[in-house]
Every structure is written in structure tokens, then in C-alpha cells.
All heavy atoms as atom14 arrays in JSON, in Angstrom:
{
  "sequence": "VKPGTQTDTRIRLKGKGVPSLRNKNVRGDH",
  "atom14_mask": [
    [1, 1, 1, 1, 1, 1, 1, 0, 0, 0, 0, 0, 0, 0],
    [1, 1, 1, 1, 1, 1, 1, 1, 1, 0, 0, 0, 0, 0],
    [1, 1, 1, 1, 1, 1, 1, 0, 0, 0, 0, 0, 0, 0],
    [1, 1, 1, 1, 0, 0, 0, 0, 0, 0, 0, 0, 0, 0],
    [1, 1, 1, 1, 1, 1, 1, 0, 0, 0, 0, 0, 0, 0],
    [1, 1, 1, 1, 1, 1, 1, 1, 1, 0, 0, 0, 0, 0],
    [1, 1, 1, 1, 1, 1, 1, 0, 0, 0, 0, 0, 0, 0],
    [1, 1, 1, 1, 1, 1, 1, 1, 0, 0, 0, 0, 0, 0],
    [1, 1, 1, 1, 1, 1, 1, 0, 0, 0, 0, 0, 0, 0],
    [1, 1, 1, 1, 1, 1, 1, 1, 1, 1, 1, 0, 0, 0],
    [1, 1, 1, 1, 1, 1, 1, 1, 0, 0, 0, 0, 0, 0],
    [1, 1, 1, 1, 1, 1, 1, 1, 1, 1, 1, 0, 0, 0],
    [1, 1, 1, 1, 1, 1, 1, 1, 0, 0, 0, 0, 0, 0],
    [1, 1, 1, 1, 1, 1, 1, 1, 1, 0, 0, 0, 0, 0],
    [1, 1, 1, 1, 0, 0, 0, 0, 0, 0, 0, 0, 0, 0],
    [1, 1, 1, 1, 1, 1, 1, 1, 1, 0, 0, 0, 0, 0],
    [1, 1, 1, 1, 0, 0, 0, 0, 0, 0, 0, 0, 0, 0],
    [1, 1, 1, 1, 1, 1, 1, 0, 0, 0, 0, 0, 0, 0],
    [1, 1, 1, 1, 1, 1, 1, 0, 0, 0, 0, 0, 0, 0],
    [1, 1, 1, 1, 1, 1, 0, 0, 0, 0, 0, 0, 0, 0],
    [1, 1, 1, 1, 1, 1, 1, 1, 0, 0, 0, 0, 0, 0],
    [1, 1, 1, 1, 1, 1, 1, 1, 1, 1, 1, 0, 0, 0],
    [1, 1, 1, 1, 1, 1, 1, 1, 0, 0, 0, 0, 0, 0],
    [1, 1, 1, 1, 1, 1, 1, 1, 1, 0, 0, 0, 0, 0],
    [1, 1, 1, 1, 1, 1, 1, 1, 0, 0, 0, 0, 0, 0],
    [1, 1, 1, 1, 1, 1, 1, 0, 0, 0, 0, 0, 0, 0],
    [1, 1, 1, 1, 1, 1, 1, 1, 1, 1, 1, 0, 0, 0],
    [1, 1, 1, 1, 0, 0, 0, 0, 0, 0, 0, 0, 0, 0],
    [1, 1, 1, 1, 1, 1, 1, 1, 0, 0, 0, 0, 0, 0],
    [1, 1, 1, 1, 1, 1, 1, 1, 1, 1, 0, 0, 0, 0]
  ],
  "atom14_positions": [
    [[12.04, 224.64, 320.3], [11.2, 225.31, 319.35], [10.1, 225.98, 320.12], [9.42, 225.36, 320.9], [10.72, 224.36, 318.27], [9.71, 225.03, 317.35], [11.82, 223.67, 317.48], [0.0, 0.0, 0.0], [0.0, 0.0, 0.0], [0.0, 0.0, 0.0], [0.0, 0.0, 0.0], [0.0, 0.0, 0.0], [0.0, 0.0, 0.0], [0.0, 0.0, 0.0]],
    [[9.79, 227.22, 319.71], [8.71, 228.01, 320.33], [7.33, 227.5, 319.76], [7.26, 227.17, 318.6], [8.89, 229.44, 320.15], [10.12, 230.05, 320.78], [10.18, 231.57, 320.46], [11.53, 232.1, 321.11], [11.61, 233.55, 320.85], [0.0, 0.0, 0.0], [0.0, 0.0, 0.0], [0.0, 0.0, 0.0], [0.0, 0.0, 0.0], [0.0, 0.0, 0.0]],
    [[6.23, 227.6, 320.67], [4.94, 227.21, 320.13], [4.56, 228.19, 318.98], [4.8, 229.38, 319.09], [4.05, 227.31, 321.34], [4.98, 227.13, 322.52], [6.31, 227.76, 322.1], [0.0, 0.0, 0.0], [0.0, 0.0, 0.0], [0.0, 0.0, 0.0], [0.0, 0.0, 0.0], [0.0, 0.0, 0.0], [0.0, 0.0, 0.0], [0.0, 0.0, 0.0]],
    [[3.88, 227.68, 317.98], [3.4, 228.43, 316.9], [4.46, 228.85, 315.87], [4.29, 229.74, 315.13], [0.0, 0.0, 0.0], [0.0, 0.0, 0.0], [0.0, 0.0, 0.0], [0.0, 0.0, 0.0], [0.0, 0.0, 0.0], [0.0, 0.0, 0.0], [0.0, 0.0, 0.0], [0.0, 0.0, 0.0], [0.0, 0.0, 0.0], [0.0, 0.0, 0.0]],
    [[5.57, 227.98, 315.84], [6.7, 228.35, 314.87], [6.15, 228.07, 313.47], [5.55, 227.0, 313.15], [7.84, 227.49, 315.19], [8.34, 227.87, 316.45], [8.96, 227.7, 314.16], [0.0, 0.0, 0.0], [0.0, 0.0, 0.0], [0.0, 0.0, 0.0], [0.0, 0.0, 0.0], [0.0, 0.0, 0.0], [0.0, 0.0, 0.0], [0.0, 0.0, 0.0]],
    [[6.4, 228.97, 312.61], [5.95, 228.87, 311.18], [7.04, 228.24, 310.37], [8.24, 228.28, 310.69], [5.53, 230.2, 310.63], [4.5, 230.89, 311.38], [3.24, 230.19, 311.28], [2.75, 229.75, 310.26], [2.59, 229.88, 312.49], [0.0, 0.0, 0.0], [0.0, 0.0, 0.0], [0.0, 0.0, 0.0], [0.0, 0.0, 0.0], [0.0, 0.0, 0.0]],
    [[6.76, 227.63, 309.27], [7.76, 227.07, 308.31], [8.6, 228.16, 307.77], [8.13, 229.34, 307.64], [7.12, 226.18, 307.19], [8.11, 225.53, 306.61], [6.41, 227.15, 306.27], [0.0, 0.0, 0.0], [0.0, 0.0, 0.0], [0.0, 0.0, 0.0], [0.0, 0.0, 0.0], [0.0, 0.0, 0.0], [0.0, 0.0, 0.0], [0.0, 0.0, 0.0]],
    [[9.81, 227.91, 307.56], [10.88, 228.84, 306.99], [11.32, 229.79, 308.06], [11.93, 230.86, 307.77], [10.43, 229.58, 305.8], [10.22, 228.64, 304.55], [10.97, 227.62, 304.5], [9.45, 229.0, 303.71], [0.0, 0.0, 0.0], [0.0, 0.0, 0.0], [0.0, 0.0, 0.0], [0.0, 0.0, 0.0], [0.0, 0.0, 0.0], [0.0, 0.0, 0.0]],
    [[11.06, 229.51, 309.36], [11.62, 230.38, 310.41], [13.05, 230.08, 310.54], [13.5, 228.86, 310.52], [10.86, 229.97, 311.78], [9.43, 230.37, 311.61], [11.54, 230.79, 312.95], [0.0, 0.0, 0.0], [0.0, 0.0, 0.0], [0.0, 0.0, 0.0], [0.0, 0.0, 0.0], [0.0, 0.0, 0.0], [0.0, 0.0, 0.0], [0.0, 0.0, 0.0]],
    [[13.9, 231.14, 310.58], [15.36, 230.97, 310.68], [15.79, 231.25, 312.11], [15.45, 232.24, 312.7], [16.07, 231.96, 309.74], [17.62, 231.84, 309.8], [18.29, 232.77, 308.84], [18.19, 232.19, 307.52], [18.85, 232.64, 306.46], [19.54, 233.76, 306.5], [18.74, 232.08, 305.23], [0.0, 0.0, 0.0], [0.0, 0.0, 0.0], [0.0, 0.0, 0.0]],
    [[16.59, 230.32, 312.58], [17.12, 230.36, 313.96], [18.61, 230.49, 313.89], [19.26, 230.11, 312.86], [16.76, 229.34, 314.94], [17.26, 228.0, 314.37], [15.2, 229.23, 315.03], [17.07, 226.72, 315.24], [0.0, 0.0, 0.0], [0.0, 0.0, 0.0], [0.0, 0.0, 0.0], [0.0, 0.0, 0.0], [0.0, 0.0, 0.0], [0.0, 0.0, 0.0]],
    [[19.31, 231.13, 314.89], [20.72, 231.24, 314.94], [21.36, 230.46, 316.0], [20.92, 230.53, 317.22], [21.25, 232.71, 315.04], [22.73, 232.85, 314.92], [23.1, 234.31, 314.94], [22.94, 234.92, 316.4], [23.51, 235.93, 316.82], [24.35, 236.65, 316.02], [23.29, 236.44, 318.07], [0.0, 0.0, 0.0], [0.0, 0.0, 0.0], [0.0, 0.0, 0.0]],
    [[22.36, 229.53, 315.71], [23.16, 228.87, 316.66], [24.44, 229.59, 316.85], [25.31, 229.37, 316.02], [23.25, 227.37, 316.35], [22.04, 226.62, 316.05], [22.33, 225.22, 315.62], [21.09, 226.64, 317.29], [0.0, 0.0, 0.0], [0.0, 0.0, 0.0], [0.0, 0.0, 0.0], [0.0, 0.0, 0.0], [0.0, 0.0, 0.0], [0.0, 0.0, 0.0]],
    [[24.61, 230.42, 317.78], [25.79, 231.21, 317.96], [27.02, 230.46, 318.21], [27.01, 229.48, 319.05], [25.51, 232.31, 319.1], [26.54, 233.43, 319.1], [26.16, 234.39, 320.11], [27.14, 235.57, 320.15], [26.81, 236.59, 321.13], [0.0, 0.0, 0.0], [0.0, 0.0, 0.0], [0.0, 0.0, 0.0], [0.0, 0.0, 0.0], [0.0, 0.0, 0.0]],
    [[28.12, 230.79, 317.51], [29.39, 230.17, 317.69], [29.51, 228.79, 317.09], [30.45, 228.12, 317.47], [0.0, 0.0, 0.0], [0.0, 0.0, 0.0], [0.0, 0.0, 0.0], [0.0, 0.0, 0.0], [0.0, 0.0, 0.0], [0.0, 0.0, 0.0], [0.0, 0.0, 0.0], [0.0, 0.0, 0.0], [0.0, 0.0, 0.0], [0.0, 0.0, 0.0]],
    [[28.57, 228.4, 316.25], [28.6, 227.04, 315.66], [29.01, 227.08, 314.25], [28.86, 226.1, 313.44], [27.26, 226.33, 315.75], [26.88, 226.06, 317.23], [27.81, 225.01, 317.84], [27.38, 224.65, 319.32], [28.34, 223.64, 319.87], [0.0, 0.0, 0.0], [0.0, 0.0, 0.0], [0.0, 0.0, 0.0], [0.0, 0.0, 0.0], [0.0, 0.0, 0.0]],
    [[29.6, 228.22, 313.82], [30.03, 228.37, 312.48], [31.48, 228.0, 312.18], [32.03, 227.17, 312.91], [0.0, 0.0, 0.0], [0.0, 0.0, 0.0], [0.0, 0.0, 0.0], [0.0, 0.0, 0.0], [0.0, 0.0, 0.0], [0.0, 0.0, 0.0], [0.0, 0.0, 0.0], [0.0, 0.0, 0.0], [0.0, 0.0, 0.0], [0.0, 0.0, 0.0]],
    [[32.19, 228.74, 311.27], [33.53, 228.41, 310.8], [34.47, 229.36, 311.65], [34.22, 230.47, 311.74], [33.7, 228.65, 309.28], [35.06, 228.34, 308.84], [32.64, 227.85, 308.53], [0.0, 0.0, 0.0], [0.0, 0.0, 0.0], [0.0, 0.0, 0.0], [0.0, 0.0, 0.0], [0.0, 0.0, 0.0], [0.0, 0.0, 0.0], [0.0, 0.0, 0.0]],
    [[35.59, 228.71, 312.06], [36.57, 229.59, 312.78], [37.23, 230.59, 311.84], [37.3, 230.38, 310.65], [37.59, 228.59, 313.28], [36.95, 227.28, 313.16], [35.92, 227.34, 312.08], [0.0, 0.0, 0.0], [0.0, 0.0, 0.0], [0.0, 0.0, 0.0], [0.0, 0.0, 0.0], [0.0, 0.0, 0.0], [0.0, 0.0, 0.0], [0.0, 0.0, 0.0]],
    [[37.7, 231.72, 312.45], [38.43, 232.6, 311.73], [39.87, 232.18, 311.45], [40.45, 231.54, 312.27], [38.55, 233.99, 312.47], [39.45, 234.89, 311.82], [0.0, 0.0, 0.0], [0.0, 0.0, 0.0], [0.0, 0.0, 0.0], [0.0, 0.0, 0.0], [0.0, 0.0, 0.0], [0.0, 0.0, 0.0], [0.0, 0.0, 0.0], [0.0, 0.0, 0.0]],
    [[40.43, 232.43, 310.16], [41.79, 232.09, 309.88], [42.78, 232.8, 310.79], [43.85, 232.23, 311.07], [42.09, 232.36, 308.41], [41.58, 231.35, 307.42], [41.72, 231.91, 305.99], [42.31, 230.05, 307.51], [0.0, 0.0, 0.0], [0.0, 0.0, 0.0], [0.0, 0.0, 0.0], [0.0, 0.0, 0.0], [0.0, 0.0, 0.0], [0.0, 0.0, 0.0]],
    [[42.41, 233.94, 311.26], [43.34, 234.67, 312.08], [43.28, 234.21, 313.53], [44.4, 234.25, 314.28], [43.12, 236.21, 312.04], [43.34, 236.87, 310.69], [43.0, 238.26, 310.74], [43.36, 238.97, 309.43], [42.5, 239.1, 308.45], [41.23, 238.66, 308.61], [42.9, 239.65, 307.36], [0.0, 0.0, 0.0], [0.0, 0.0, 0.0], [0.0, 0.0, 0.0]],
    [[42.12, 233.75, 314.03], [41.98, 233.32, 315.41], [41.01, 232.18, 315.39], [39.77, 232.49, 315.28], [41.55, 234.48, 316.31], [41.47, 233.99, 317.72], [41.78, 232.88, 318.07], [41.16, 235.07, 318.64], [0.0, 0.0, 0.0], [0.0, 0.0, 0.0], [0.0, 0.0, 0.0], [0.0, 0.0, 0.0], [0.0, 0.0, 0.0], [0.0, 0.0, 0.0]],
    [[41.48, 230.93, 315.55], [40.53, 229.81, 315.46], [39.51, 229.75, 316.6], [38.52, 229.01, 316.58], [41.37, 228.53, 315.41], [42.2, 228.22, 316.59], [42.93, 226.91, 316.53], [43.72, 226.57, 317.71], [44.4, 225.19, 317.64], [0.0, 0.0, 0.0], [0.0, 0.0, 0.0], [0.0, 0.0, 0.0], [0.0, 0.0, 0.0], [0.0, 0.0, 0.0]],
    [[39.76, 230.55, 317.64], [38.83, 230.64, 318.75], [37.61, 231.57, 318.5], [36.65, 231.53, 319.25], [39.6, 231.15, 320.07], [40.65, 230.25, 320.54], [40.43, 228.96, 320.47], [41.82, 230.63, 320.94], [0.0, 0.0, 0.0], [0.0, 0.0, 0.0], [0.0, 0.0, 0.0], [0.0, 0.0, 0.0], [0.0, 0.0, 0.0], [0.0, 0.0, 0.0]],
    [[37.69, 232.29, 317.44], [36.59, 233.14, 317.02], [35.91, 232.51, 315.87], [36.43, 232.13, 314.83], [37.11, 234.6, 316.57], [35.99, 235.34, 316.1], [37.85, 235.21, 317.67], [0.0, 0.0, 0.0], [0.0, 0.0, 0.0], [0.0, 0.0, 0.0], [0.0, 0.0, 0.0], [0.0, 0.0, 0.0], [0.0, 0.0, 0.0], [0.0, 0.0, 0.0]],
    [[34.58, 232.16, 316.11], [33.79, 231.42, 315.18], [32.62, 232.16, 314.67], [31.97, 233.03, 315.46], [33.4, 230.06, 315.68], [34.57, 229.13, 315.96], [34.14, 227.83, 316.5], [33.26, 227.08, 315.59], [32.82, 225.83, 315.77], [33.12, 225.22, 316.88], [31.96, 225.23, 314.9], [0.0, 0.0, 0.0], [0.0, 0.0, 0.0], [0.0, 0.0, 0.0]],
    [[32.17, 231.84, 313.49], [30.85, 232.41, 313.01], [29.72, 231.69, 313.59], [29.87, 230.93, 314.57], [0.0, 0.0, 0.0], [0.0, 0.0, 0.0], [0.0, 0.0, 0.0], [0.0, 0.0, 0.0], [0.0, 0.0, 0.0], [0.0, 0.0, 0.0], [0.0, 0.0, 0.0], [0.0, 0.0, 0.0], [0.0, 0.0, 0.0], [0.0, 0.0, 0.0]],
    [[28.51, 231.91, 312.97], [27.3, 231.31, 313.48], [26.73, 230.32, 312.46], [27.11, 230.28, 311.3], [26.22, 232.39, 313.74], [26.74, 233.47, 314.8], [27.53, 233.06, 315.7], [26.44, 234.56, 314.65], [0.0, 0.0, 0.0], [0.0, 0.0, 0.0], [0.0, 0.0, 0.0], [0.0, 0.0, 0.0], [0.0, 0.0, 0.0], [0.0, 0.0, 0.0]],
    [[25.75, 229.49, 312.99], [25.14, 228.54, 312.21], [23.61, 228.91, 312.11], [22.91, 228.97, 313.07], [25.25, 227.06, 312.76], [24.68, 226.02, 311.9], [25.01, 224.72, 312.09], [23.84, 226.08, 310.87], [24.34, 223.94, 311.17], [23.6, 224.83, 310.43], [0.0, 0.0, 0.0], [0.0, 0.0, 0.0], [0.0, 0.0, 0.0], [0.0, 0.0, 0.0]]
  ]
}
């Protein structure tokens, strides 16, 4: 977490989402 982070700050965890039905190696984000 960066210093001075405000509440309701949204961060992205890349590649931690749901896999694609067409290619399970391709995932969304969290």
C-alpha cells in the first residue's frame, strides 16, 4: 500500500480474475 492511501481507493490485481471459457490460460483481473 502506498503512503497516503485514501479510503475507497481501487487497486487492480492483474490476472487474478476468471478464466476465459475459450482459453483458460487467459484470465480477467481482480
